[in-house]
């Protein structure tokens, strides 16, 4: 079941996501690589087929009914359908799946070995990005302490507050330049703030870690540890490469 359907059933309505799925019904690019041709778009679910059809019938493109209310009305109508009525859309979905399967098979057979590898590489990257997003979401739900800020972070916070929170590209460039030109004795103010924030973070993390252990979240702590080691390794590699480039 798609996340969209789950959201609708839980009455968390986001009509822009519905429209995005409806409008992208034809074909979509399978890769950012220009050498890889676009692949067939996955078929809409029976629920989405119903939404697409009934929205056009009931509201059209210039309805005065708010999008969020349109979704509420349509989702309620879907829930009120009988099994027989829903079966019409289920049959349409099954037919579209058969057609998609044929199109996708022909598509995959038309690709070169390099193009298939490009698709696999992108899928691997997307899977990792999805895994990271889910992990971050889990950490938020578990109320993981907010990480400590660097001296520069405190400097940026102070400067953006003076510009009413503006963070445009030009503003950030200007702040970055100001930081580079700032005398070391002036930077000490922000370094002390960062040190205090690091103490705050370490203290909160110690309590949070104990709580996670007591609640049986060893897997979360293990993932955090691996992530920290991976980040440390990447940082070390960057520093080594920078030294090589300097030489």
C-alpha atoms as a PDB file:
ATOM      1  CA  UNK A   1       0.000   0.000   0.000  1.00  0.00           C
ATOM      2  CA  UNK A   2       1.446   3.385  -0.961  1.00  0.00           C
ATOM      3  CA  UNK A   3       2.278   6.007   1.643  1.00  0.00           C
ATOM      4  CA  UNK A   4      -0.219   8.255  -0.107  1.00  0.00           C
ATOM      5  CA  UNK A   5      -3.127   5.879   0.476  1.00  0.00           C
ATOM      6  CA  UNK A   6      -2.083   5.411   4.103  1.00  0.00           C
ATOM      7  CA  UNK A   7      -1.988   9.179   4.568  1.00  0.00           C
ATOM      8  CA  UNK A   8      -5.440   9.575   3.074  1.00  0.00           C
ATOM      9  CA  UNK A   9      -6.904   6.802   5.192  1.00  0.00           C
ATOM     10  CA  UNK A  10      -5.441   8.444   8.276  1.00  0.00           C
ATOM     11  CA  UNK A  11      -7.016  11.721   7.156  1.00  0.00           C
ATOM     12  CA  UNK A  12      -3.640  13.371   6.593  1.00  0.00           C
ATOM     13  CA  UNK A  13      -4.524  14.972   3.255  1.00  0.00           C
ATOM     14  CA  UNK A  14      -1.964  16.375   0.836  1.00  0.00           C
ATOM     15  CA  UNK A  15      -3.607  17.034  -2.524  1.00  0.00           C
ATOM     16  CA  UNK A  16      -0.392  18.173  -4.236  1.00  0.00           C
ATOM     17  CA  UNK A  17       0.937  14.622  -3.873  1.00  0.00           C
ATOM     18  CA  UNK A  18      -2.233  13.265  -5.450  1.00  0.00           C
ATOM     19  CA  UNK A  19      -1.913  15.604  -8.430  1.00  0.00           C
ATOM     20  CA  UNK A  20       1.762  14.780  -8.853  1.00  0.00           C
ATOM     21  CA  UNK A  21       0.997  11.079  -9.101  1.00  0.00           C
ATOM     22  CA  UNK A  22      -1.902  11.690 -11.500  1.00  0.00           C
ATOM     23  CA  UNK A  23      -0.008  14.052 -13.807  1.00  0.00           C
ATOM     24  CA  UNK A  24       3.003  11.740 -14.079  1.00  0.00           C
ATOM     25  CA  UNK A  25       0.902   8.908 -15.487  1.00  0.00           C
ATOM     26  CA  UNK A  26       2.807   8.509 -18.767  1.00  0.00           C
ATOM     27  CA  UNK A  27       6.565   8.078 -18.583  1.00  0.00           C
ATOM     28  CA  UNK A  28       9.272   9.249 -16.263  1.00  0.00           C
ATOM     29  CA  UNK A  29      13.030   9.356 -16.503  1.00  0.00           C
ATOM     30  CA  UNK A  30      14.628   6.358 -14.846  1.00  0.00           C
ATOM     31  CA  UNK A  31      17.941   8.079 -14.375  1.00  0.00           C
ATOM     32  CA  UNK A  32      19.613  11.471 -14.290  1.00  0.00           C
ATOM     33  CA  UNK A  33      22.052   9.977 -16.800  1.00  0.00           C
ATOM     34  CA  UNK A  34      21.189  11.447 -20.217  1.00  0.00           C
ATOM     35  CA  UNK A  35      22.391   8.233 -21.884  1.00  0.00           C
ATOM     36  CA  UNK A  36      19.616   6.204 -20.250  1.00  0.00           C
ATOM     37  CA  UNK A  37      16.211   6.445 -22.015  1.00  0.00           C
ATOM     38  CA  UNK A  38      13.052   7.133 -19.962  1.00  0.00           C
ATOM     39  CA  UNK A  39      11.369   4.062 -18.584  1.00  0.00           C
ATOM     40  CA  UNK A  40       7.648   3.212 -18.409  1.00  0.00           C
ATOM     41  CA  UNK A  41       5.799   4.848 -15.541  1.00  0.00           C
ATOM     42  CA  UNK A  42       4.416   2.502 -12.921  1.00  0.00           C
ATOM     43  CA  UNK A  43       0.604   2.195 -13.186  1.00  0.00           C
ATOM     44  CA  UNK A  44      -1.690   4.098 -10.858  1.00  0.00           C
ATOM     45  CA  UNK A  45      -3.356   2.098  -8.109  1.00  0.00           C
ATOM     46  CA  UNK A  46      -7.098   1.440  -8.233  1.00  0.00           C
ATOM     47  CA  UNK A  47      -7.590   4.184  -5.660  1.00  0.00           C
ATOM     48  CA  UNK A  48      -5.597   6.693  -7.708  1.00  0.00           C
ATOM     49  CA  UNK A  49      -7.493   5.776 -10.876  1.00  0.00           C
ATOM     50  CA  UNK A  50     -10.715   6.559  -9.029  1.00  0.00           C
ATOM     51  CA  UNK A  51      -9.328   9.879  -7.750  1.00  0.00           C
ATOM     52  CA  UNK A  52      -8.168  10.924 -11.236  1.00  0.00           C
ATOM     53  CA  UNK A  53     -11.476  10.058 -12.879  1.00  0.00           C
ATOM     54  CA  UNK A  54     -13.819  11.525 -10.272  1.00  0.00           C
ATOM     55  CA  UNK A  55     -11.809  14.684  -9.709  1.00  0.00           C
ATOM     56  CA  UNK A  56     -12.157  15.582 -13.386  1.00  0.00           C
ATOM     57  CA  UNK A  57     -15.869  14.788 -13.321  1.00  0.00           C
ATOM     58  CA  UNK A  58     -16.703  16.597 -10.083  1.00  0.00           C
ATOM     59  CA  UNK A  59     -14.338  19.523  -9.943  1.00  0.00           C
ATOM     60  CA  UNK A  60     -12.505  20.075 -13.233  1.00  0.00           C
ATOM     61  CA  UNK A  61      -9.539  22.431 -13.349  1.00  0.00           C
ATOM     62  CA  UNK A  62     -11.201  25.601 -12.076  1.00  0.00           C
ATOM     63  CA  UNK A  63     -13.228  24.446  -9.109  1.00  0.00           C
ATOM     64  CA  UNK A  64     -13.789  26.832  -6.204  1.00  0.00           C
ATOM     65  CA  UNK A  65     -13.602  23.874  -3.823  1.00  0.00           C
ATOM     66  CA  UNK A  66     -10.283  23.908  -1.982  1.00  0.00           C
ATOM     67  CA  UNK A  67      -7.873  21.098  -2.986  1.00  0.00           C
ATOM     68  CA  UNK A  68      -7.775  19.751   0.559  1.00  0.00           C
ATOM     69  CA  UNK A  69     -11.575  19.565   0.603  1.00  0.00           C
ATOM     70  CA  UNK A  70     -11.609  17.875  -2.804  1.00  0.00           C
ATOM     71  CA  UNK A  71      -9.395  15.120  -1.437  1.00  0.00           C
ATOM     72  CA  UNK A  72     -11.577  14.703   1.639  1.00  0.00           C
ATOM     73  CA  UNK A  73     -14.706  14.398  -0.499  1.00  0.00           C
ATOM     74  CA  UNK A  74     -13.130  11.950  -2.948  1.00  0.00           C
ATOM     75  CA  UNK A  75     -11.574   9.771  -0.270  1.00  0.00           C
ATOM     76  CA  UNK A  76     -14.924   9.552   1.528  1.00  0.00           C
ATOM     77  CA  UNK A  77     -16.588   8.552  -1.745  1.00  0.00           C
ATOM     78  CA  UNK A  78     -13.967   5.859  -2.259  1.00  0.00           C
ATOM     79  CA  UNK A  79     -14.585   4.449   1.193  1.00  0.00           C
ATOM     80  CA  UNK A  80     -18.347   4.393   0.533  1.00  0.00           C
ATOM     81  CA  UNK A  81     -18.034   2.335  -2.665  1.00  0.00           C
ATOM     82  CA  UNK A  82     -19.274  -1.234  -2.617  1.00  0.00           C
ATOM     83  CA  UNK A  83     -16.920  -4.109  -3.376  1.00  0.00           C
ATOM     84  CA  UNK A  84     -18.443  -4.437  -6.852  1.00  0.00           C
ATOM     85  CA  UNK A  85     -17.931  -0.730  -7.580  1.00  0.00           C
ATOM     86  CA  UNK A  86     -14.323  -0.854  -6.425  1.00  0.00           C
ATOM     87  CA  UNK A  87     -13.754  -3.949  -8.532  1.00  0.00           C
ATOM     88  CA  UNK A  88     -14.126  -1.830 -11.693  1.00  0.00           C
ATOM     89  CA  UNK A  89     -11.011   0.132 -10.734  1.00  0.00           C
ATOM     90  CA  UNK A  90      -9.225  -2.967  -9.495  1.00  0.00           C
ATOM     91  CA  UNK A  91      -9.731  -4.582 -12.915  1.00  0.00           C
ATOM     92  CA  UNK A  92      -8.433  -1.445 -14.646  1.00  0.00           C
ATOM     93  CA  UNK A  93      -5.381  -1.499 -12.394  1.00  0.00           C
ATOM     94  CA  UNK A  94      -4.667  -5.165 -13.170  1.00  0.00           C
ATOM     95  CA  UNK A  95      -4.892  -4.479 -16.898  1.00  0.00           C
ATOM     96  CA  UNK A  96      -2.521  -1.528 -16.592  1.00  0.00           C
ATOM     97  CA  UNK A  97      -0.097  -3.732 -14.618  1.00  0.00           C
ATOM     98  CA  UNK A  98      -0.088  -6.276 -17.438  1.00  0.00           C
ATOM     99  CA  UNK A  99       0.633  -3.543 -19.982  1.00  0.00           C
ATOM    100  CA  UNK A 100       3.317  -2.032 -17.782  1.00  0.00           C
ATOM    101  CA  UNK A 101       4.980  -5.435 -17.371  1.00  0.00           C
ATOM    102  CA  UNK A 102       5.185  -5.845 -21.157  1.00  0.00           C
ATOM    103  CA  UNK A 103       6.499  -2.308 -21.645  1.00  0.00           C
ATOM    104  CA  UNK A 104       9.053  -2.660 -18.879  1.00  0.00           C
ATOM    105  CA  UNK A 105      10.299  -6.015 -20.197  1.00  0.00           C
ATOM    106  CA  UNK A 106      10.762  -4.530 -23.675  1.00  0.00           C
ATOM    107  CA  UNK A 107      12.447  -1.503 -22.138  1.00  0.00           C
ATOM    108  CA  UNK A 108      14.946  -3.563 -20.124  1.00  0.00           C
ATOM    109  CA  UNK A 109      15.755  -5.716 -23.161  1.00  0.00           C
ATOM    110  CA  UNK A 110      16.525  -2.585 -25.167  1.00  0.00           C
ATOM    111  CA  UNK A 111      19.175  -1.358 -22.729  1.00  0.00           C
ATOM    112  CA  UNK A 112      22.896  -1.876 -22.997  1.00  0.00           C
ATOM    113  CA  UNK A 113      24.896  -3.388 -20.141  1.00  0.00           C
ATOM    114  CA  UNK A 114      26.152   0.081 -19.168  1.00  0.00           C
ATOM    115  CA  UNK A 115      22.623   1.529 -19.123  1.00  0.00           C
ATOM    116  CA  UNK A 116      21.350  -1.292 -16.906  1.00  0.00           C
ATOM    117  CA  UNK A 117      24.243  -0.672 -14.524  1.00  0.00           C
ATOM    118  CA  UNK A 118      23.430   3.056 -14.446  1.00  0.00           C
ATOM    119  CA  UNK A 119      19.851   2.243 -13.434  1.00  0.00           C
ATOM    120  CA  UNK A 120      21.027  -0.185 -10.741  1.00  0.00           C
ATOM    121  CA  UNK A 121      23.445   2.422  -9.392  1.00  0.00           C
ATOM    122  CA  UNK A 122      20.711   5.031  -9.181  1.00  0.00           C
ATOM    123  CA  UNK A 123      18.312   2.614  -7.494  1.00  0.00           C
ATOM    124  CA  UNK A 124      21.021   1.816  -4.948  1.00  0.00           C
ATOM    125  CA  UNK A 125      21.536   5.525  -4.249  1.00  0.00           C
ATOM    126  CA  UNK A 126      17.788   6.162  -3.928  1.00  0.00           C
ATOM    127  CA  UNK A 127      17.424   3.190  -1.592  1.00  0.00           C
ATOM    128  CA  UNK A 128      20.203   4.531   0.612  1.00  0.00           C
ATOM    129  CA  UNK A 129      18.679   8.024   0.611  1.00  0.00           C
ATOM    130  CA  UNK A 130      15.301   6.571   1.591  1.00  0.00           C
ATOM    131  CA  UNK A 131      16.937   4.542   4.360  1.00  0.00           C
ATOM    132  CA  UNK A 132      18.632   7.655   5.720  1.00  0.00           C
ATOM    133  CA  UNK A 133      15.412   9.684   5.629  1.00  0.00           C
ATOM    134  CA  UNK A 134      13.561   6.967   7.513  1.00  0.00           C
ATOM    135  CA  UNK A 135      16.362   6.735  10.069  1.00  0.00           C
ATOM    136  CA  UNK A 136      16.308  10.514  10.628  1.00  0.00           C
ATOM    137  CA  UNK A 137      12.534  10.348  11.041  1.00  0.00           C
ATOM    138  CA  UNK A 138      12.942   7.587  13.631  1.00  0.00           C
ATOM    139  CA  UNK A 139      15.512   9.653  15.545  1.00  0.00           C
ATOM    140  CA  UNK A 140      13.130  12.619  15.624  1.00  0.00           C
ATOM    141  CA  UNK A 141      10.335  10.440  16.977  1.00  0.00           C
ATOM    142  CA  UNK A 142      12.706   9.148  19.662  1.00  0.00           C
ATOM    143  CA  UNK A 143      13.606  12.761  20.555  1.00  0.00           C
ATOM    144  CA  UNK A 144      17.318  12.454  19.887  1.00  0.00           C
ATOM    145  CA  UNK A 145      19.104  15.599  21.168  1.00  0.00           C
ATOM    146  CA  UNK A 146      19.890  18.264  18.598  1.00  0.00           C
ATOM    147  CA  UNK A 147      23.561  18.187  17.615  1.00  0.00           C
ATOM    148  CA  UNK A 148      25.986  20.774  18.932  1.00  0.00           C
ATOM    149  CA  UNK A 149      26.682  23.888  16.874  1.00  0.00           C
ATOM    150  CA  UNK A 150      30.052  25.039  15.590  1.00  0.00           C
ATOM    151  CA  UNK A 151      31.486  28.532  16.255  1.00  0.00           C
ATOM    152  CA  UNK A 152      30.534  29.489  12.700  1.00  0.00           C
ATOM    153  CA  UNK A 153      26.947  28.279  13.274  1.00  0.00           C
ATOM    154  CA  UNK A 154      26.597  30.687  16.193  1.00  0.00           C
ATOM    155  CA  UNK A 155      28.054  33.488  14.089  1.00  0.00           C
ATOM    156  CA  UNK A 156      25.526  32.794  11.307  1.00  0.00           C
ATOM    157  CA  UNK A 157      22.636  32.689  13.780  1.00  0.00           C
ATOM    158  CA  UNK A 158      23.633  36.074  15.153  1.00  0.00           C
ATOM    159  CA  UNK A 159      24.053  37.664  11.748  1.00  0.00           C
ATOM    160  CA  UNK A 160      20.834  36.287  10.240  1.00  0.00           C
ATOM    161  CA  UNK A 161      18.927  37.477  13.318  1.00  0.00           C
ATOM    162  CA  UNK A 162      20.166  40.983  12.486  1.00  0.00           C
ATOM    163  CA  UNK A 163      18.733  40.610   8.973  1.00  0.00           C
ATOM    164  CA  UNK A 164      15.395  39.234  10.246  1.00  0.00           C
ATOM    165  CA  UNK A 165      16.267  35.626   9.415  1.00  0.00           C
ATOM    166  CA  UNK A 166      17.232  36.287   5.776  1.00  0.00           C
ATOM    167  CA  UNK A 167      19.340  33.435   4.381  1.00  0.00           C
ATOM    168  CA  UNK A 168      19.640  34.319   0.715  1.00  0.00           C
ATOM    169  CA  UNK A 169      22.696  33.205  -1.254  1.00  0.00           C
ATOM    170  CA  UNK A 170      24.146  36.704  -1.224  1.00  0.00           C
ATOM    171  CA  UNK A 171      23.573  37.103   2.503  1.00  0.00           C
ATOM    172  CA  UNK A 172      25.266  33.791   3.285  1.00  0.00           C
ATOM    173  CA  UNK A 173      28.222  34.677   1.051  1.00  0.00           C
ATOM    174  CA  UNK A 174      28.604  37.963   2.872  1.00  0.00           C
ATOM    175  CA  UNK A 175      28.430  36.258   6.282  1.00  0.00           C
ATOM    176  CA  UNK A 176      31.008  33.686   5.174  1.00  0.00           C
ATOM    177  CA  UNK A 177      33.358  36.448   4.068  1.00  0.00           C
ATOM    178  CA  UNK A 178      32.863  38.321   7.358  1.00  0.00           C
ATOM    179  CA  UNK A 179      33.711  35.161   9.300  1.00  0.00           C
ATOM    180  CA  UNK A 180      36.963  34.675   7.373  1.00  0.00           C
ATOM    181  CA  UNK A 181      37.956  38.274   8.032  1.00  0.00           C
ATOM    182  CA  UNK A 182      36.963  38.175  11.712  1.00  0.00           C
ATOM    183  CA  UNK A 183      39.976  38.496  14.074  1.00  0.00           C
ATOM    184  CA  UNK A 184      40.772  35.442  16.191  1.00  0.00           C
ATOM    185  CA  UNK A 185      40.069  37.274  19.447  1.00  0.00           C
ATOM    186  CA  UNK A 186      36.524  38.049  18.178  1.00  0.00           C
ATOM    187  CA  UNK A 187      36.044  34.425  17.124  1.00  0.00           C
ATOM    188  CA  UNK A 188      36.768  33.337  20.700  1.00  0.00           C
ATOM    189  CA  UNK A 189      33.279  34.529  21.701  1.00  0.00           C
ATOM    190  CA  UNK A 190      31.675  32.046  19.331  1.00  0.00           C
ATOM    191  CA  UNK A 191      34.162  29.307  20.199  1.00  0.00           C
ATOM    192  CA  UNK A 192      33.142  29.543  23.860  1.00  0.00           C
ATOM    193  CA  UNK A 193      29.475  29.307  22.870  1.00  0.00           C
ATOM    194  CA  UNK A 194      30.276  26.214  20.803  1.00  0.00           C
ATOM    195  CA  UNK A 195      32.141  24.624  23.729  1.00  0.00           C
ATOM    196  CA  UNK A 196      29.171  25.215  26.027  1.00  0.00           C
ATOM    197  CA  UNK A 197      26.801  23.800  23.435  1.00  0.00           C
ATOM    198  CA  UNK A 198      29.036  20.726  23.069  1.00  0.00           C
ATOM    199  CA  UNK A 199      28.766  20.140  26.827  1.00  0.00           C
ATOM    200  CA  UNK A 200      24.997  20.487  26.566  1.00  0.00           C
ATOM    201  CA  UNK A 201      24.874  17.980  23.717  1.00  0.00           C
ATOM    202  CA  UNK A 202      27.172  15.445  25.430  1.00  0.00           C
ATOM    203  CA  UNK A 203      25.099  15.628  28.610  1.00  0.00           C
ATOM    204  CA  UNK A 204      21.801  15.189  26.765  1.00  0.00           C
ATOM    205  CA  UNK A 205      23.203  12.373  24.640  1.00  0.00           C
ATOM    206  CA  UNK A 206      24.410  10.497  27.709  1.00  0.00           C
ATOM    207  CA  UNK A 207      20.908  10.605  29.200  1.00  0.00           C
ATOM    208  CA  UNK A 208      19.273   9.775  25.858  1.00  0.00           C
ATOM    209  CA  UNK A 209      21.604   6.811  25.262  1.00  0.00           C
ATOM    210  CA  UNK A 210      20.772   5.393  28.688  1.00  0.00           C
ATOM    211  CA  UNK A 211      17.087   5.783  27.906  1.00  0.00           C
ATOM    212  CA  UNK A 212      17.482   4.023  24.540  1.00  0.00           C
ATOM    213  CA  UNK A 213      19.266   1.101  26.212  1.00  0.00           C
ATOM    214  CA  UNK A 214      16.586   0.784  28.873  1.00  0.00           C
ATOM    215  CA  UNK A 215      13.861   0.812  26.193  1.00  0.00           C
ATOM    216  CA  UNK A 216      15.595  -1.806  24.043  1.00  0.00           C
ATOM    217  CA  UNK A 217      16.746   0.417  21.171  1.00  0.00           C
ATOM    218  CA  UNK A 218      20.233  -1.070  20.859  1.00  0.00           C
ATOM    219  CA  UNK A 219      19.750  -1.284  17.075  1.00  0.00           C
ATOM    220  CA  UNK A 220      19.308   2.492  16.851  1.00  0.00           C
ATOM    221  CA  UNK A 221      22.474   3.108  18.861  1.00  0.00           C
ATOM    222  CA  UNK A 222      24.347   0.624  16.678  1.00  0.00           C
ATOM    223  CA  UNK A 223      23.248   2.454  13.515  1.00  0.00           C
ATOM    224  CA  UNK A 224      24.317   5.776  15.002  1.00  0.00           C
ATOM    225  CA  UNK A 225      27.728   4.344  15.877  1.00  0.00           C
ATOM    226  CA  UNK A 226      28.215   3.017  12.333  1.00  0.00           C
ATOM    227  CA  UNK A 227      27.135   6.341  10.882  1.00  0.00           C
ATOM    228  CA  UNK A 228      29.622   8.193  13.096  1.00  0.00           C
ATOM    229  CA  UNK A 229      32.478   5.874  12.054  1.00  0.00           C
ATOM    230  CA  UNK A 230      31.547   6.234   8.378  1.00  0.00           C
ATOM    231  CA  UNK A 231      31.465  10.026   8.666  1.00  0.00           C
ATOM    232  CA  UNK A 232      34.809  10.034  10.467  1.00  0.00           C
ATOM    233  CA  UNK A 233      36.332   7.885   7.728  1.00  0.00           C
ATOM    234  CA  UNK A 234      34.974  10.169   4.999  1.00  0.00           C
ATOM    235  CA  UNK A 235      36.364  13.232   6.815  1.00  0.00           C
ATOM    236  CA  UNK A 236      39.790  11.583   7.100  1.00  0.00           C
ATOM    237  CA  UNK A 237      39.784  10.727   3.394  1.00  0.00           C
ATOM    238  CA  UNK A 238      38.891  14.315   2.497  1.00  0.00           C
ATOM    239  CA  UNK A 239      41.771  15.653   4.603  1.00  0.00           C
ATOM    240  CA  UNK A 240      44.209  13.184   3.017  1.00  0.00           C
ATOM    241  CA  UNK A 241      43.087  14.219  -0.480  1.00  0.00           C
ATOM    242  CA  UNK A 242      43.414  17.902   0.428  1.00  0.00           C
ATOM    243  CA  UNK A 243      47.009  17.321   1.578  1.00  0.00           C
ATOM    244  CA  UNK A 244      47.790  15.492  -1.649  1.00  0.00           C
ATOM    245  CA  UNK A 245      46.361  18.344  -3.704  1.00  0.00           C
ATOM    246  CA  UNK A 246      48.425  20.888  -1.759  1.00  0.00           C
ATOM    247  CA  UNK A 247      51.599  18.922  -2.534  1.00  0.00           C
END
